[in-house]
Amino acid sequence: MITLMTRRGKTGLAAADQAWFRRKLEALPACSSQPESVEATVLLTDDEEIRQLNRDFRGYDKPTDVLSFAMQESEDASVTPDLLGDIAVSVETARRMVGSGEHRARVCEELGRETPWGEREEVLFLIVHGYLHLLGYDHATKRDEREMKAAERKVFFRLMGWKL
């Protein structure tokens, strides 16, 4: 089960948006070929809270788009193999990223057609990115980055109901 958490007043997301994300998170394990028993938490928050998390856990005193805290990298991984970890996404940063169009351009190129792209799609894309980090994907090398982008495409397209 992938659990969605939001901080009251920190995201500006409507109840309908939160319900949409919950439905997508229910499908995330299946769309990523993981057992339904996997567990993770997704926190949708603002720049201030993600800045604090980034500072406290990574040593960078600035907001970022998404953070992942993988439990499978810890000493206790074998005790709880289905517990993947936590993801935090700044909805504020995602809103700014919609304007840049970077992720939308990549997705449209891979689809071979234009597609609507708004806040929901951007936040979901960031959730998928963070989730893949929990599964062990990384983008430290060019090879790792290619593998992670391919996995992002596969999982994101499945969640959106788009053909690969």
Protein backbone atom coordinates (compact mmCIF):
# COMPACT_ATOMS: atom_id res chain seq x y z
CA MET A 1 0.00 0.00 0.00
CA ILE A 2 1.23 3.42 -0.94
CA THR A 3 -0.09 6.01 1.51
CA LEU A 4 -0.66 9.65 0.58
CA MET A 5 -0.08 12.35 3.18
CA THR A 6 -0.66 16.06 2.76
CA ARG A 7 -0.12 18.90 5.17
CA ARG A 8 -3.24 21.00 5.62
CA GLY A 9 -2.76 24.35 3.93
CA LYS A 10 0.68 23.52 2.51
CA THR A 11 -0.19 22.25 -0.96
CA GLY A 12 -3.32 24.04 -2.12
CA LEU A 13 -4.54 20.74 -3.61
CA ALA A 14 -8.28 20.29 -3.87
CA ALA A 15 -9.96 17.18 -2.47
CA ALA A 16 -10.54 15.96 -6.04
CA ASP A 17 -6.80 16.20 -6.77
CA GLN A 18 -5.96 14.28 -3.61
CA ALA A 19 -8.46 11.57 -4.56
CA TRP A 20 -6.91 11.36 -8.05
CA PHE A 21 -3.45 10.88 -6.52
CA ARG A 22 -4.74 8.20 -4.15
CA ARG A 23 -6.16 6.25 -7.11
CA LYS A 24 -2.86 6.51 -8.96
CA LEU A 25 -0.92 5.41 -5.87
CA GLU A 26 -3.17 2.35 -5.51
CA ALA A 27 -2.11 1.32 -9.01
CA LEU A 28 1.59 2.15 -8.58
CA PRO A 29 2.82 -1.27 -7.36
CA ALA A 30 1.12 -3.12 -10.23
CA CYS A 31 2.27 -0.55 -12.79
CA SER A 32 5.85 -1.02 -11.60
CA SER A 33 5.69 -4.84 -11.45
CA GLN A 34 5.89 -4.85 -7.66
CA PRO A 35 3.80 -6.96 -5.29
CA GLU A 36 0.74 -5.32 -3.74
CA SER A 37 2.37 -5.87 -0.34
CA VAL A 38 4.98 -3.13 -0.84
CA GLU A 39 4.61 -0.13 1.42
CA ALA A 40 5.64 3.48 1.00
CA THR A 41 4.48 6.91 2.07
CA VAL A 42 4.18 9.90 -0.25
CA LEU A 43 4.15 13.32 1.40
CA LEU A 44 2.90 16.21 -0.72
CA THR A 45 4.15 19.41 0.84
CA ASP A 46 5.49 22.91 0.19
CA ASP A 47 8.95 24.36 -0.47
CA GLU A 48 9.58 25.25 3.18
CA GLU A 49 9.05 21.74 4.51
CA ILE A 50 11.00 20.07 1.70
CA ARG A 51 13.80 22.59 2.25
CA GLN A 52 13.96 21.52 5.91
CA LEU A 53 14.04 17.84 4.92
CA ASN A 54 16.71 18.53 2.29
CA ARG A 55 18.79 20.42 4.86
CA ASP A 56 18.38 17.87 7.65
CA PHE A 57 18.95 14.72 5.60
CA ARG A 58 21.11 15.80 2.66
CA GLY A 59 22.86 18.91 3.91
CA TYR A 60 21.40 21.20 1.20
CA ASP A 61 19.58 24.20 2.67
CA LYS A 62 17.31 24.79 -0.32
CA PRO A 63 14.02 23.44 -1.64
CA THR A 64 14.02 20.65 -4.20
CA ASP A 65 11.37 18.89 -6.24
CA VAL A 66 11.41 15.38 -4.76
CA LEU A 67 13.24 13.49 -2.01
CA SER A 68 13.33 9.74 -1.47
CA PHE A 69 14.24 7.92 1.72
CA ALA A 70 14.81 4.28 0.80
CA MET A 71 14.41 1.78 3.63
CA GLN A 72 16.04 -0.96 1.57
CA GLU A 73 19.35 0.90 1.87
CA SER A 74 19.22 0.68 5.67
CA GLU A 75 20.58 -1.98 8.00
CA ASP A 76 17.02 -3.12 8.78
CA ALA A 77 16.10 -3.82 5.14
CA SER A 78 15.93 -7.60 5.60
CA VAL A 79 13.54 -7.25 8.56
CA THR A 80 10.91 -5.41 6.48
CA PRO A 81 11.55 -6.26 2.82
CA ASP A 82 8.20 -4.84 1.67
CA LEU A 83 8.75 -1.47 3.33
CA LEU A 84 10.23 0.64 0.54
CA GLY A 85 10.46 4.01 2.29
CA ASP A 86 9.19 7.56 1.99
CA ILE A 87 8.88 10.14 -0.77
CA ALA A 88 8.39 13.88 -0.31
CA VAL A 89 7.28 16.10 -3.21
CA SER A 90 7.10 19.87 -3.17
CA VAL A 91 3.86 20.82 -4.91
CA GLU A 92 5.11 24.42 -5.05
CA THR A 93 8.20 23.38 -7.00
CA ALA A 94 6.10 21.10 -9.23
CA ARG A 95 3.87 24.06 -10.10
CA ARG A 96 6.93 26.03 -11.23
CA MET A 97 8.19 23.03 -13.20
CA VAL A 98 4.92 22.85 -15.15
CA GLY A 99 5.82 26.27 -16.51
CA SER A 100 9.29 25.13 -17.61
CA GLY A 101 7.78 22.31 -19.65
CA GLU A 102 10.87 20.08 -19.33
CA HIS A 103 9.09 16.88 -18.29
CA ARG A 104 6.15 17.55 -20.61
CA ALA A 105 8.48 17.97 -23.59
CA ARG A 106 10.22 14.68 -22.83
CA VAL A 107 6.94 12.81 -22.39
CA CYS A 108 5.44 14.30 -25.58
CA GLU A 109 8.56 13.34 -27.52
CA GLU A 110 8.36 9.78 -26.21
CA LEU A 111 4.63 9.61 -26.96
CA GLY A 112 5.11 11.07 -30.41
CA ARG A 113 2.23 13.48 -29.81
CA GLU A 114 1.19 16.46 -27.73
CA THR A 115 -0.48 15.73 -24.42
CA PRO A 116 -2.09 17.86 -21.71
CA TRP A 117 0.32 18.53 -18.87
CA GLY A 118 -0.58 20.25 -15.67
CA GLU A 119 0.04 20.11 -11.97
CA ARG A 120 -1.34 16.58 -11.54
CA GLU A 121 0.89 15.13 -14.24
CA GLU A 122 3.98 16.93 -12.94
CA VAL A 123 3.44 15.83 -9.34
CA LEU A 124 2.74 12.26 -10.44
CA PHE A 125 5.89 12.27 -12.58
CA LEU A 126 7.90 13.35 -9.52
CA ILE A 127 6.24 10.67 -7.39
CA VAL A 128 7.23 8.03 -9.96
CA HIS A 129 10.79 9.37 -9.98
CA GLY A 130 10.99 9.17 -6.19
CA TYR A 131 9.38 5.74 -6.14
CA LEU A 132 11.95 4.39 -8.58
CA HIS A 133 14.69 5.63 -6.25
CA LEU A 134 13.04 3.54 -3.51
CA LEU A 135 13.31 0.54 -5.84
CA GLY A 136 17.04 1.14 -6.28
CA TYR A 137 17.15 3.15 -9.50
CA ASP A 138 19.57 6.05 -9.73
CA HIS A 139 20.86 8.56 -12.27
CA ALA A 140 24.46 8.95 -11.11
CA THR A 141 25.91 7.67 -14.41
CA LYS A 142 24.69 8.01 -18.00
CA ARG A 143 23.83 4.30 -18.06
CA ASP A 144 21.89 4.55 -14.78
CA GLU A 145 20.10 7.63 -16.08
CA ARG A 146 19.02 5.84 -19.29
CA GLU A 147 17.71 2.89 -17.26
CA MET A 148 15.86 5.16 -14.85
CA LYS A 149 14.29 7.24 -17.65
CA ALA A 150 13.10 4.05 -19.37
CA ALA A 151 11.54 2.87 -16.10
CA GLU A 152 9.97 6.31 -15.52
CA ARG A 153 8.42 6.20 -18.97
CA LYS A 154 7.09 2.66 -18.50
CA VAL A 155 5.57 3.27 -15.04
CA PHE A 156 4.27 6.78 -15.74
CA PHE A 157 2.67 5.78 -19.04
CA ARG A 158 1.00 2.80 -17.39
CA LEU A 159 -0.36 4.97 -14.58
CA MET A 160 -1.75 7.45 -17.12
CA GLY A 161 -3.23 4.68 -19.27
CA TRP A 162 -1.06 5.62 -22.26
CA LYS A 163 0.41 3.16 -24.75
CA LEU A 164 4.17 2.76 -24.80
